[in-house]
Amino acid sequence: MTRTTRALVALLAVVLLGGSLVAAGCTKAATSNSASSAAAAPPLPIKIGTLPTEDSLPLWVAQSRGYFATEGIPNVEIVEFQSAQERDAAFASGAIDAYMGDIIAAADLQAGGKPNTIRTVMLGADPSQGRFGIAVAPKSTVTTLTELANVPVGTSSATIQEYVLDGLMSEAGVPTSAVKVEEVKKVPVRFQLLMAGKLKAAALPEPFLSLAEQGGARIVASDTSSTVNLSQTVLVFSNAYLGKAGGAKTEQGVLKAWDVAVNDINKDPSAYRAVLVDKAKLPKSLASSYVVQTYPTHQLPAQADVEAVLAWMRDKGYLKADVTYQDLVGQAQSGQ
């Protein structure tokens, strides 16, 4: 190779290297600008799906007191559903951006190809919060869970209620093979069948447990006295929504507003009884006596609690695909 040729090759290499550096610099700048634009994007409107239960009280308080607006969120629409199935269908279709639900629902949607992120526990940060339990019919002589071995218990399979039933029975020493389920998906129907004596026992959430007790049924066990945390209600966001410019900022604003509302409620729970009675549609017989919960400020569910639910779902064959703790909280962790 002549000296002139070597010089030309060297010059060409310098030109090519310079072009690569410029291209890399442009790519990095474009990525940086894109990230900056996303971070600077204003909060988005959001639709949050709920059920008429006490778990959503801080959301209702935050909305009524303008705490979402304070965080710059242009509109928060709280959409009420009468069943978890309707809520999940709305989330899967994109009709809502977030929802009040449980770990089982989040895992099922994740496995079904609808990625979502658990962002906070709404109730159930510890066993004392929220109550699911097992009640026996009025006039029943049953007083312990061991007496319900091989007795059909009304519940809805593949739900947090079945999980609580299995957990409580296991703690009482009842073998899995002796836990019998009678499928009654709708809680109000299950409650009515129990009170009419057509079910010997039923797994019920509040306020139906209190109503059952008021009507003469006996609560033989509840998760508030369990040695493990069996039930958590969680606030879950769509990953597609969080990926939009402004979506993560809305999520952060919702959580800040949640915390302010929680602090208000926890200072004087009874002051929010009227809101709870109205929004959760509590019956008149409980309107003046129902104990208003205290709520946790925003926090992720414990990994052990989530993994216990996932293990139960795998054992039952309820997962269409494998789901891990990281799948359900990974985006939330990275945002903290």
C-alpha atoms as a PDB file:
ATOM      1  CA  MET A   1       0.000   0.000   0.000  1.00  0.00           C
ATOM      2  CA  THR A   2       1.495   3.375  -1.006  1.00  0.00           C
ATOM      3  CA  ARG A   3       1.831   6.286   1.375  1.00  0.00           C
ATOM      4  CA  THR A   4      -0.929   8.113  -0.506  1.00  0.00           C
ATOM      5  CA  THR A   5      -3.287   5.117  -0.238  1.00  0.00           C
ATOM      6  CA  ARG A   6      -2.610   4.762   3.501  1.00  0.00           C
ATOM      7  CA  ALA A   7      -3.358   8.428   3.969  1.00  0.00           C
ATOM      8  CA  LEU A   8      -6.672   8.071   2.124  1.00  0.00           C
ATOM      9  CA  VAL A   9      -7.645   5.019   4.200  1.00  0.00           C
ATOM     10  CA  ALA A  10      -6.824   6.858   7.424  1.00  0.00           C
ATOM     11  CA  LEU A  11      -8.839   9.876   6.310  1.00  0.00           C
ATOM     12  CA  LEU A  12     -11.802   7.657   5.426  1.00  0.00           C
ATOM     13  CA  ALA A  13     -11.649   5.977   8.862  1.00  0.00           C
ATOM     14  CA  VAL A  14     -11.679   9.342  10.579  1.00  0.00           C
ATOM     15  CA  VAL A  15     -14.671  10.449   8.521  1.00  0.00           C
ATOM     16  CA  LEU A  16     -16.573   7.203   9.251  1.00  0.00           C
ATOM     17  CA  LEU A  17     -15.741   7.356  12.961  1.00  0.00           C
ATOM     18  CA  GLY A  18     -16.822  10.948  13.134  1.00  0.00           C
ATOM     19  CA  GLY A  19     -20.100  10.088  11.442  1.00  0.00           C
ATOM     20  CA  SER A  20     -20.716   7.259  13.909  1.00  0.00           C
ATOM     21  CA  LEU A  21     -20.029   9.536  16.851  1.00  0.00           C
ATOM     22  CA  VAL A  22     -22.375  12.159  15.446  1.00  0.00           C
ATOM     23  CA  ALA A  23     -25.085   9.527  14.869  1.00  0.00           C
ATOM     24  CA  ALA A  24     -24.622   8.138  18.385  1.00  0.00           C
ATOM     25  CA  GLY A  25     -24.738  11.619  19.814  1.00  0.00           C
ATOM     26  CA  CYS A  26     -27.926  12.375  17.898  1.00  0.00           C
ATOM     27  CA  THR A  27     -29.521   9.107  19.075  1.00  0.00           C
ATOM     28  CA  LYS A  28     -28.573   9.816  22.684  1.00  0.00           C
ATOM     29  CA  ALA A  29     -29.854  13.368  22.396  1.00  0.00           C
ATOM     30  CA  ALA A  30     -33.116  12.170  20.837  1.00  0.00           C
ATOM     31  CA  THR A  31     -33.605   9.609  23.615  1.00  0.00           C
ATOM     32  CA  SER A  32     -32.797  12.210  26.254  1.00  0.00           C
ATOM     33  CA  ASN A  33     -35.173  14.708  24.656  1.00  0.00           C
ATOM     34  CA  SER A  34     -37.902  12.055  24.489  1.00  0.00           C
ATOM     35  CA  ALA A  35     -37.452  11.192  28.164  1.00  0.00           C
ATOM     36  CA  SER A  36     -37.421  14.882  29.074  1.00  0.00           C
ATOM     37  CA  SER A  37     -40.591  15.464  27.070  1.00  0.00           C
ATOM     38  CA  ALA A  38     -42.320  12.543  28.829  1.00  0.00           C
ATOM     39  CA  ALA A  39     -41.215  13.834  32.230  1.00  0.00           C
ATOM     40  CA  ALA A  40     -42.413  17.343  31.367  1.00  0.00           C
ATOM     41  CA  ALA A  41     -45.768  16.173  30.014  1.00  0.00           C
ATOM     42  CA  PRO A  42     -48.722  17.267  32.168  1.00  0.00           C
ATOM     43  CA  PRO A  43     -50.873  14.696  33.986  1.00  0.00           C
ATOM     44  CA  LEU A  44     -53.540  12.910  31.978  1.00  0.00           C
ATOM     45  CA  PRO A  45     -57.218  12.356  32.761  1.00  0.00           C
ATOM     46  CA  ILE A  46     -57.806   8.921  34.268  1.00  0.00           C
ATOM     47  CA  LYS A  47     -60.682   6.497  34.778  1.00  0.00           C
ATOM     48  CA  ILE A  48     -60.470   4.301  37.883  1.00  0.00           C
ATOM     49  CA  GLY A  49     -62.787   1.315  38.242  1.00  0.00           C
ATOM     50  CA  THR A  50     -64.131   0.428  41.682  1.00  0.00           C
ATOM     51  CA  LEU A  51     -66.712  -1.722  43.401  1.00  0.00           C
ATOM     52  CA  PRO A  52     -69.172  -0.279  45.956  1.00  0.00           C
ATOM     53  CA  THR A  53     -67.059  -1.333  48.948  1.00  0.00           C
ATOM     54  CA  GLU A  54     -65.261   0.410  51.799  1.00  0.00           C
ATOM     55  CA  ASP A  55     -61.860  -0.090  50.145  1.00  0.00           C
ATOM     56  CA  SER A  56     -62.359   2.941  47.883  1.00  0.00           C
ATOM     57  CA  LEU A  57     -63.283   5.483  50.573  1.00  0.00           C
ATOM     58  CA  PRO A  58     -60.011   7.472  50.235  1.00  0.00           C
ATOM     59  CA  LEU A  59     -60.579   7.786  46.477  1.00  0.00           C
ATOM     60  CA  TRP A  60     -64.073   9.183  47.050  1.00  0.00           C
ATOM     61  CA  VAL A  61     -62.786  11.584  49.715  1.00  0.00           C
ATOM     62  CA  ALA A  62     -59.912  12.737  47.481  1.00  0.00           C
ATOM     63  CA  GLN A  63     -62.350  13.416  44.668  1.00  0.00           C
ATOM     64  CA  SER A  64     -64.902  15.277  46.808  1.00  0.00           C
ATOM     65  CA  ARG A  65     -62.219  17.430  48.454  1.00  0.00           C
ATOM     66  CA  GLY A  66     -60.451  18.352  45.245  1.00  0.00           C
ATOM     67  CA  TYR A  67     -57.174  16.615  46.087  1.00  0.00           C
ATOM     68  CA  PHE A  68     -56.789  15.212  42.567  1.00  0.00           C
ATOM     69  CA  ALA A  69     -57.197  18.697  41.111  1.00  0.00           C
ATOM     70  CA  THR A  70     -54.566  19.970  43.543  1.00  0.00           C
ATOM     71  CA  GLU A  71     -52.125  17.506  41.969  1.00  0.00           C
ATOM     72  CA  GLY A  72     -52.895  18.913  38.527  1.00  0.00           C
ATOM     73  CA  ILE A  73     -54.867  15.926  37.249  1.00  0.00           C
ATOM     74  CA  PRO A  74     -57.396  17.379  34.788  1.00  0.00           C
ATOM     75  CA  ASN A  75     -60.088  14.789  35.491  1.00  0.00           C
ATOM     76  CA  VAL A  76     -60.460  11.668  37.640  1.00  0.00           C
ATOM     77  CA  GLU A  77     -63.526   9.615  36.843  1.00  0.00           C
ATOM     78  CA  ILE A  78     -64.339   6.924  39.396  1.00  0.00           C
ATOM     79  CA  VAL A  79     -66.353   4.293  37.557  1.00  0.00           C
ATOM     80  CA  GLU A  80     -68.406   1.961  39.736  1.00  0.00           C
ATOM     81  CA  PHE A  81     -69.002  -1.662  38.742  1.00  0.00           C
ATOM     82  CA  GLN A  82     -71.365  -4.148  40.347  1.00  0.00           C
ATOM     83  CA  SER A  83     -69.058  -7.121  39.927  1.00  0.00           C
ATOM     84  CA  ALA A  84     -65.363  -7.875  39.642  1.00  0.00           C
ATOM     85  CA  GLN A  85     -66.028  -9.627  36.322  1.00  0.00           C
ATOM     86  CA  GLU A  86     -67.483  -6.428  34.810  1.00  0.00           C
ATOM     87  CA  ARG A  87     -64.583  -4.389  36.175  1.00  0.00           C
ATOM     88  CA  ASP A  88     -61.953  -6.764  34.790  1.00  0.00           C
ATOM     89  CA  ALA A  89     -63.611  -6.805  31.370  1.00  0.00           C
ATOM     90  CA  ALA A  90     -63.581  -3.003  31.298  1.00  0.00           C
ATOM     91  CA  PHE A  91     -59.890  -2.939  32.216  1.00  0.00           C
ATOM     92  CA  ALA A  92     -59.021  -5.568  29.602  1.00  0.00           C
ATOM     93  CA  SER A  93     -60.820  -3.547  26.910  1.00  0.00           C
ATOM     94  CA  GLY A  94     -59.116  -0.282  27.894  1.00  0.00           C
ATOM     95  CA  ALA A  95     -62.356   1.348  29.054  1.00  0.00           C
ATOM     96  CA  ILE A  96     -60.680   2.127  32.420  1.00  0.00           C
ATOM     97  CA  ASP A  97     -57.031   2.922  33.154  1.00  0.00           C
ATOM     98  CA  ALA A  98     -56.771   1.643  36.728  1.00  0.00           C
ATOM     99  CA  TYR A  99     -58.878  -0.296  39.187  1.00  0.00           C
ATOM    100  CA  MET A 100     -59.478  -1.258  42.781  1.00  0.00           C
ATOM    101  CA  GLY A 101     -59.075  -5.012  42.976  1.00  0.00           C
ATOM    102  CA  ASP A 102     -56.934  -7.741  44.485  1.00  0.00           C
ATOM    103  CA  ILE A 103     -53.724  -9.615  43.735  1.00  0.00           C
ATOM    104  CA  ILE A 104     -55.624 -12.519  42.166  1.00  0.00           C
ATOM    105  CA  ALA A 105     -57.317 -10.215  39.637  1.00  0.00           C
ATOM    106  CA  ALA A 106     -54.023  -8.488  38.831  1.00  0.00           C
ATOM    107  CA  ALA A 107     -52.229 -11.806  38.290  1.00  0.00           C
ATOM    108  CA  ASP A 108     -55.054 -13.189  36.156  1.00  0.00           C
ATOM    109  CA  LEU A 109     -55.067 -10.109  33.910  1.00  0.00           C
ATOM    110  CA  GLN A 110     -51.278 -10.177  33.673  1.00  0.00           C
ATOM    111  CA  ALA A 111     -51.315 -13.839  32.649  1.00  0.00           C
ATOM    112  CA  GLY A 112     -54.055 -13.066  30.121  1.00  0.00           C
ATOM    113  CA  GLY A 113     -51.885 -10.538  28.282  1.00  0.00           C
ATOM    114  CA  LYS A 114     -53.036  -7.324  29.971  1.00  0.00           C
ATOM    115  CA  PRO A 115     -49.882  -6.054  31.752  1.00  0.00           C
ATOM    116  CA  ASN A 116     -50.615  -4.071  34.884  1.00  0.00           C
ATOM    117  CA  THR A 117     -48.770  -2.717  37.895  1.00  0.00           C
ATOM    118  CA  ILE A 118     -49.883  -2.929  41.516  1.00  0.00           C
ATOM    119  CA  ARG A 119     -49.171   0.514  42.909  1.00  0.00           C
ATOM    120  CA  THR A 120     -50.450   0.437  46.479  1.00  0.00           C
ATOM    121  CA  VAL A 121     -52.344  -1.536  49.072  1.00  0.00           C
ATOM    122  CA  MET A 122     -55.745   0.067  49.652  1.00  0.00           C
ATOM    123  CA  LEU A 123     -56.768  -2.140  52.576  1.00  0.00           C
ATOM    124  CA  GLY A 124     -54.939  -5.050  54.155  1.00  0.00           C
ATOM    125  CA  ALA A 125     -51.486  -3.650  54.838  1.00  0.00           C
ATOM    126  CA  ASP A 126     -51.823  -5.823  57.938  1.00  0.00           C
ATOM    127  CA  PRO A 127     -54.412  -8.477  58.927  1.00  0.00           C
ATOM    128  CA  SER A 128     -56.453  -6.040  61.032  1.00  0.00           C
ATOM    129  CA  GLN A 129     -57.524  -4.010  57.980  1.00  0.00           C
ATOM    130  CA  GLY A 130     -60.585  -5.169  56.082  1.00  0.00           C
ATOM    131  CA  ARG A 131     -62.435  -8.323  56.982  1.00  0.00           C
ATOM    132  CA  PHE A 132     -63.283 -11.489  55.101  1.00  0.00           C
ATOM    133  CA  GLY A 133     -64.687 -14.386  57.043  1.00  0.00           C
ATOM    134  CA  ILE A 134     -66.685 -17.586  57.241  1.00  0.00           C
ATOM    135  CA  ALA A 135     -70.228 -17.411  58.614  1.00  0.00           C
ATOM    136  CA  VAL A 136     -72.656 -20.233  59.379  1.00  0.00           C
ATOM    137  CA  ALA A 137     -76.407 -19.999  58.951  1.00  0.00           C
ATOM    138  CA  PRO A 138     -78.702 -18.794  61.729  1.00  0.00           C
ATOM    139  CA  LYS A 139     -79.580 -21.617  64.154  1.00  0.00           C
ATOM    140  CA  SER A 140     -76.471 -23.557  63.127  1.00  0.00           C
ATOM    141  CA  THR A 141     -74.692 -25.304  66.002  1.00  0.00           C
ATOM    142  CA  VAL A 142     -71.292 -25.061  64.277  1.00  0.00           C
ATOM    143  CA  THR A 143     -68.771 -23.004  66.243  1.00  0.00           C
ATOM    144  CA  THR A 144     -65.405 -23.949  64.701  1.00  0.00           C
ATOM    145  CA  LEU A 145     -63.905 -24.373  61.250  1.00  0.00           C
ATOM    146  CA  THR A 146     -62.993 -27.986  61.966  1.00  0.00           C
ATOM    147  CA  GLU A 147     -66.719 -28.727  62.070  1.00  0.00           C
ATOM    148  CA  LEU A 148     -66.921 -27.484  58.469  1.00  0.00           C
ATOM    149  CA  ALA A 149     -64.599 -30.184  57.159  1.00  0.00           C
ATOM    150  CA  ASN A 150     -66.330 -31.791  54.151  1.00  0.00           C
ATOM    151  CA  VAL A 151     -69.219 -29.310  54.479  1.00  0.00           C
ATOM    152  CA  PRO A 152     -69.889 -27.247  51.299  1.00  0.00           C
ATOM    153  CA  VAL A 153     -69.096 -23.573  51.919  1.00  0.00           C
ATOM    154  CA  GLY A 154     -70.601 -21.024  49.576  1.00  0.00           C
ATOM    155  CA  THR A 155     -67.993 -18.918  47.802  1.00  0.00           C
ATOM    156  CA  SER A 156     -66.748 -17.885  44.374  1.00  0.00           C
ATOM    157  CA  SER A 157     -63.813 -19.880  43.025  1.00  0.00           C
ATOM    158  CA  ALA A 158     -60.623 -18.224  41.777  1.00  0.00           C
ATOM    159  CA  THR A 159     -61.283 -15.186  43.979  1.00  0.00           C
ATOM    160  CA  ILE A 160     -59.812 -13.669  47.114  1.00  0.00           C
ATOM    161  CA  GLN A 161     -62.759 -15.151  49.013  1.00  0.00           C
ATOM    162  CA  GLU A 162     -61.778 -18.693  48.089  1.00  0.00           C
ATOM    163  CA  TYR A 163     -58.163 -17.871  48.973  1.00  0.00           C
ATOM    164  CA  VAL A 164     -59.224 -16.647  52.418  1.00  0.00           C
ATOM    165  CA  LEU A 165     -61.429 -19.732  52.892  1.00  0.00           C
ATOM    166  CA  ASP A 166     -58.516 -22.054  52.056  1.00  0.00           C
ATOM    167  CA  GLY A 167     -56.130 -20.082  54.249  1.00  0.00           C
ATOM    168  CA  LEU A 168     -58.405 -20.061  57.293  1.00  0.00           C
ATOM    169  CA  MET A 169     -59.230 -23.747  56.934  1.00  0.00           C
ATOM    170  CA  SER A 170     -55.540 -24.589  56.650  1.00  0.00           C
ATOM    171  CA  GLU A 171     -54.762 -22.608  59.823  1.00  0.00           C
ATOM    172  CA  ALA A 172     -57.524 -24.543  61.605  1.00  0.00           C
ATOM    173  CA  GLY A 173     -55.918 -27.819  60.562  1.00  0.00           C
ATOM    174  CA  VAL A 174     -58.540 -28.801  58.003  1.00  0.00           C
ATOM    175  CA  PRO A 175     -56.819 -30.726  55.158  1.00  0.00           C
ATOM    176  CA  THR A 176     -57.174 -29.365  51.630  1.00  0.00           C
ATOM    177  CA  SER A 177     -59.077 -32.474  50.575  1.00  0.00           C
ATOM    178  CA  ALA A 178     -61.751 -31.708  53.187  1.00  0.00           C
ATOM    179  CA  VAL A 179     -62.389 -28.136  52.026  1.00  0.00           C
ATOM    180  CA  LYS A 180     -65.550 -28.224  49.928  1.00  0.00           C
ATOM    181  CA  VAL A 181     -66.766 -25.291  47.838  1.00  0.00           C
ATOM    182  CA  GLU A 182     -70.319 -24.575  46.733  1.00  0.00           C
ATOM    183  CA  GLU A 183     -70.109 -22.122  43.841  1.00  0.00           C
ATOM    184  CA  VAL A 184     -72.213 -18.984  44.366  1.00  0.00           C
ATOM    185  CA  LYS A 185     -70.494 -16.143  42.527  1.00  0.00           C
ATOM    186  CA  LYS A 186     -72.645 -13.172  43.550  1.00  0.00           C
ATOM    187  CA  VAL A 187     -72.056 -12.114  47.147  1.00  0.00           C
ATOM    188  CA  PRO A 188     -75.601 -10.740  47.760  1.00  0.00           C
ATOM    189  CA  VAL A 189     -77.105 -14.030  46.532  1.00  0.00           C
ATOM    190  CA  ARG A 190     -74.696 -16.007  48.713  1.00  0.00           C
ATOM    191  CA  PHE A 191     -75.667 -13.899  51.710  1.00  0.00           C
ATOM    192  CA  GLN A 192     -79.378 -14.449  51.063  1.00  0.00           C
ATOM    193  CA  LEU A 193     -78.957 -18.210  50.684  1.00  0.00           C
ATOM    194  CA  LEU A 194     -77.016 -18.351  53.946  1.00  0.00           C
ATOM    195  CA  MET A 195     -79.621 -16.361  55.858  1.00  0.00           C
ATOM    196  CA  ALA A 196     -82.393 -18.560  54.433  1.00  0.00           C
ATOM    197  CA  GLY A 197     -80.555 -21.679  55.607  1.00  0.00           C
ATOM    198  CA  LYS A 198     -80.012 -22.899  52.042  1.00  0.00           C
ATOM    199  CA  LEU A 199     -76.247 -22.684  52.581  1.00  0.00           C
ATOM    200  CA  LYS A 200     -74.772 -24.170  55.741  1.00  0.00           C
ATOM    201  CA  ALA A 201     -71.822 -21.782  55.578  1.00  0.00           C
ATOM    202  CA  ALA A 202     -70.504 -19.010  53.345  1.00  0.00           C
ATOM    203  CA  ALA A 203     -67.358 -16.978  52.783  1.00  0.00           C
ATOM    204  CA  LEU A 204     -68.324 -13.300  52.953  1.00  0.00           C
ATOM    205  CA  PRO A 205     -66.627  -9.885  52.885  1.00  0.00           C
ATOM    206  CA  GLU A 206     -67.777  -6.825  54.779  1.00  0.00           C
ATOM    207  CA  PRO A 207     -70.364  -5.406  55.115  1.00  0.00           C
ATOM    208  CA  PHE A 208     -72.117  -8.741  54.523  1.00  0.00           C
ATOM    209  CA  LEU A 209     -70.360 -10.330  57.497  1.00  0.00           C
ATOM    210  CA  SER A 210     -71.766  -7.654  59.811  1.00  0.00           C
ATOM    211  CA  LEU A 211     -75.196  -7.991  58.204  1.00  0.00           C
ATOM    212  CA  ALA A 212     -75.111 -11.767  58.653  1.00  0.00           C
ATOM    213  CA  GLU A 213     -74.150 -11.430  62.293  1.00  0.00           C
ATOM    214  CA  GLN A 214     -76.888  -8.859  62.815  1.00  0.00           C
ATOM    215  CA  GLY A 215     -79.380 -11.313  61.321  1.00  0.00           C
ATOM    216  CA  GLY A 216     -78.448 -14.189  63.636  1.00  0.00           C
ATOM    217  CA  ALA A 217     -75.633 -15.898  61.705  1.00  0.00           C
ATOM    218  CA  ARG A 218     -72.404 -16.772  63.509  1.00  0.00           C
ATOM    219  CA  ILE A 219     -68.943 -15.757  62.282  1.00  0.00           C
ATOM    220  CA  VAL A 220     -66.724 -18.742  63.030  1.00  0.00           C
ATOM    221  CA  ALA A 221     -63.509 -17.243  61.652  1.00  0.00           C
ATOM    222  CA  SER A 222     -62.180 -14.124  59.927  1.00  0.00           C
ATOM    223  CA  ASP A 223     -58.869 -13.087  58.449  1.00  0.00           C
ATOM    224  CA  THR A 224     -58.480 -10.208  60.918  1.00  0.00           C
ATOM    225  CA  SER A 225     -57.499 -12.792  63.545  1.00  0.00           C
ATOM    226  CA  SER A 226     -55.311 -14.810  61.182  1.00  0.00           C
ATOM    227  CA  THR A 227     -51.596 -15.259  61.845  1.00  0.00           C
ATOM    228  CA  VAL A 228     -50.891 -14.354  58.201  1.00  0.00           C
ATOM    229  CA  ASN A 229     -52.122 -11.545  55.980  1.00  0.00           C
ATOM    230  CA  LEU A 230     -54.654 -13.272  53.750  1.00  0.00           C
ATOM    231  CA  SER A 231     -56.385 -10.418  51.965  1.00  0.00           C
ATOM    232  CA  GLN A 232     -55.174  -7.186  50.438  1.00  0.00           C
ATOM    233  CA  THR A 233     -57.126  -4.817  48.238  1.00  0.00           C
ATOM    234  CA  VAL A 234     -54.820  -3.060  45.784  1.00  0.00           C
ATOM    235  CA  LEU A 235     -54.854  -0.153  43.344  1.00  0.00           C
ATOM    236  CA  VAL A 236     -53.647  -1.315  39.942  1.00  0.00           C
ATOM    237  CA  PHE A 237     -52.653   0.699  36.854  1.00  0.00           C
ATOM    238  CA  SER A 238     -52.516  -0.369  33.213  1.00  0.00           C
ATOM    239  CA  ASN A 239     -48.938  -0.494  31.918  1.00  0.00           C
ATOM    240  CA  ALA A 240     -50.185   0.916  28.616  1.00  0.00           C
ATOM    241  CA  TYR A 241     -51.533   3.940  30.490  1.00  0.00           C
ATOM    242  CA  LEU A 242     -48.333   4.374  32.509  1.00  0.00           C
ATOM    243  CA  GLY A 243     -46.358   4.294  29.266  1.00  0.00           C
ATOM    244  CA  LYS A 244     -48.136   7.360  27.893  1.00  0.00           C
ATOM    245  CA  ALA A 245     -46.551  10.778  28.300  1.00  0.00           C
ATOM    246  CA  GLY A 246     -48.067  12.118  31.508  1.00  0.00           C
ATOM    247  CA  GLY A 247     -49.384   8.733  32.649  1.00  0.00           C
ATOM    248  CA  ALA A 248     -46.742   8.214  35.323  1.00  0.00           C
ATOM    249  CA  LYS A 249     -47.252  11.784  36.537  1.00  0.00           C
ATOM    250  CA  THR A 250     -50.971  11.121  36.929  1.00  0.00           C
ATOM    251  CA  GLU A 251     -50.196   7.949  38.865  1.00  0.00           C
ATOM    252  CA  GLN A 252     -47.932   9.904  41.237  1.00  0.00           C
ATOM    253  CA  GLY A 253     -50.636  12.529  41.696  1.00  0.00           C
ATOM    254  CA  VAL A 254     -53.275   9.906  42.477  1.00  0.00           C
ATOM    255  CA  LEU A 255     -51.017   8.405  45.153  1.00  0.00           C
ATOM    256  CA  LYS A 256     -50.288  11.803  46.718  1.00  0.00           C
ATOM    257  CA  ALA A 257     -54.009  12.610  46.802  1.00  0.00           C
ATOM    258  CA  TRP A 258     -54.655   9.144  48.277  1.00  0.00           C
ATOM    259  CA  ASP A 259     -52.234   9.846  51.126  1.00  0.00           C
ATOM    260  CA  VAL A 260     -53.830  13.203  51.943  1.00  0.00           C
ATOM    261  CA  ALA A 261     -57.303  11.623  51.998  1.00  0.00           C
ATOM    262  CA  VAL A 262     -56.047   8.716  54.143  1.00  0.00           C
ATOM    263  CA  ASN A 263     -54.615  11.144  56.685  1.00  0.00           C
ATOM    264  CA  ASP A 264     -57.971  12.968  56.812  1.00  0.00           C
ATOM    265  CA  ILE A 265     -59.915   9.737  57.352  1.00  0.00           C
ATOM    266  CA  ASN A 266     -57.535   8.292  59.928  1.00  0.00           C
ATOM    267  CA  LYS A 267     -57.727  11.441  62.065  1.00  0.00           C
ATOM    268  CA  ASP A 268     -61.507  11.072  62.431  1.00  0.00           C
ATOM    269  CA  PRO A 269     -62.936   7.969  60.706  1.00  0.00           C
ATOM    270  CA  SER A 270     -66.510   8.541  61.868  1.00  0.00           C
ATOM    271  CA  ALA A 271     -66.578  11.927  60.109  1.00  0.00           C
ATOM    272  CA  TYR A 272     -66.601  10.066  56.795  1.00  0.00           C
ATOM    273  CA  ARG A 273     -69.373   7.625  57.643  1.00  0.00           C
ATOM    274  CA  ALA A 274     -71.925   9.494  55.491  1.00  0.00           C
ATOM    275  CA  VAL A 275     -69.644   9.276  52.442  1.00  0.00           C
ATOM    276  CA  LEU A 276     -69.135   5.558  53.034  1.00  0.00           C
ATOM    277  CA  VAL A 277     -72.843   4.882  53.532  1.00  0.00           C
ATOM    278  CA  ASP A 278     -73.638   6.722  50.293  1.00  0.00           C
ATOM    279  CA  LYS A 279     -70.869   5.399  48.035  1.00  0.00           C
ATOM    280  CA  ALA A 280     -70.653   1.852  49.394  1.00  0.00           C
ATOM    281  CA  LYS A 281     -74.451   1.648  49.569  1.00  0.00           C
ATOM    282  CA  LEU A 282     -74.494   0.378  53.135  1.00  0.00           C
ATOM    283  CA  PRO A 283     -77.929  -0.790  54.285  1.00  0.00           C
ATOM    284  CA  LYS A 284     -79.849   1.410  56.709  1.00  0.00           C
ATOM    285  CA  SER A 285     -79.472  -1.156  59.468  1.00  0.00           C
ATOM    286  CA  LEU A 286     -75.694  -0.572  59.464  1.00  0.00           C
ATOM    287  CA  ALA A 287     -75.620   3.121  58.595  1.00  0.00           C
ATOM    288  CA  SER A 288     -75.121   4.370  62.154  1.00  0.00           C
ATOM    289  CA  SER A 289     -73.104   1.485  63.611  1.00  0.00           C
ATOM    290  CA  TYR A 290     -70.699   0.326  60.914  1.00  0.00           C
ATOM    291  CA  VAL A 291     -67.099   0.924  61.959  1.00  0.00           C
ATOM    292  CA  VAL A 292     -65.191   3.044  59.438  1.00  0.00           C
ATOM    293  CA  GLN A 293     -61.762   1.611  58.651  1.00  0.00           C
ATOM    294  CA  THR A 294     -58.406   3.295  59.011  1.00  0.00           C
ATOM    295  CA  TYR A 295     -56.374   3.097  55.813  1.00  0.00           C
ATOM    296  CA  PRO A 296     -52.704   2.731  54.872  1.00  0.00           C
ATOM    297  CA  THR A 297     -50.770   5.475  53.101  1.00  0.00           C
ATOM    298  CA  HIS A 298     -49.485   4.264  49.751  1.00  0.00           C
ATOM    299  CA  GLN A 299     -47.177   1.252  49.909  1.00  0.00           C
ATOM    300  CA  LEU A 300     -46.502  -1.879  47.903  1.00  0.00           C
ATOM    301  CA  PRO A 301     -47.791  -5.246  49.116  1.00  0.00           C
ATOM    302  CA  ALA A 302     -45.210  -7.416  50.831  1.00  0.00           C
ATOM    303  CA  GLN A 303     -43.446  -9.785  48.459  1.00  0.00           C
ATOM    304  CA  ALA A 304     -44.257 -12.766  50.691  1.00  0.00           C
ATOM    305  CA  ASP A 305     -47.986 -11.954  50.574  1.00  0.00           C
ATOM    306  CA  VAL A 306     -48.002 -11.688  46.777  1.00  0.00           C
ATOM    307  CA  GLU A 307     -45.954 -14.844  46.292  1.00  0.00           C
ATOM    308  CA  ALA A 308     -48.274 -16.788  48.598  1.00  0.00           C
ATOM    309  CA  VAL A 309     -51.250 -15.806  46.423  1.00  0.00           C
ATOM    310  CA  LEU A 310     -49.387 -16.708  43.224  1.00  0.00           C
ATOM    311  CA  ALA A 311     -48.377 -20.100  44.643  1.00  0.00           C
ATOM    312  CA  TRP A 312     -52.021 -20.797  45.559  1.00  0.00           C
ATOM    313  CA  MET A 313     -53.160 -19.823  42.059  1.00  0.00           C
ATOM    314  CA  ARG A 314     -50.582 -22.164  40.493  1.00  0.00           C
ATOM    315  CA  ASP A 315     -51.643 -25.029  42.739  1.00  0.00           C
ATOM    316  CA  LYS A 316     -55.282 -24.468  41.776  1.00  0.00           C
ATOM    317  CA  GLY A 317     -54.489 -24.195  38.067  1.00  0.00           C
ATOM    318  CA  TYR A 318     -55.877 -20.651  37.906  1.00  0.00           C
ATOM    319  CA  LEU A 319     -52.941 -19.027  36.054  1.00  0.00           C
ATOM    320  CA  LYS A 320     -52.878 -19.152  32.238  1.00  0.00           C
ATOM    321  CA  ALA A 321     -49.164 -18.266  32.273  1.00  0.00           C
ATOM    322  CA  ASP A 322     -46.537 -17.899  34.955  1.00  0.00           C
ATOM    323  CA  VAL A 323     -46.558 -14.566  36.822  1.00  0.00           C
ATOM    324  CA  THR A 324     -43.983 -13.327  39.326  1.00  0.00           C
ATOM    325  CA  TYR A 325     -43.925 -10.666  42.027  1.00  0.00           C
ATOM    326  CA  GLN A 326     -41.633  -8.598  39.809  1.00  0.00           C
ATOM    327  CA  ASP A 327     -44.134  -8.801  36.948  1.00  0.00           C
ATOM    328  CA  LEU A 328     -46.797  -7.211  39.154  1.00  0.00           C
ATOM    329  CA  VAL A 329     -44.781  -4.544  40.976  1.00  0.00           C
ATOM    330  CA  GLY A 330     -41.688  -4.020  38.802  1.00  0.00           C
ATOM    331  CA  GLN A 331     -42.802  -0.746  37.225  1.00  0.00           C
ATOM    332  CA  ALA A 332     -43.971   0.514  40.606  1.00  0.00           C
ATOM    333  CA  GLN A 333     -40.574  -0.251  42.176  1.00  0.00           C
ATOM    334  CA  SER A 334     -38.691   1.537  39.416  1.00  0.00           C
ATOM    335  CA  GLY A 335     -40.925   4.573  39.897  1.00  0.00           C
ATOM    336  CA  GLN A 336     -40.206   4.909  43.606  1.00  0.00           C
END
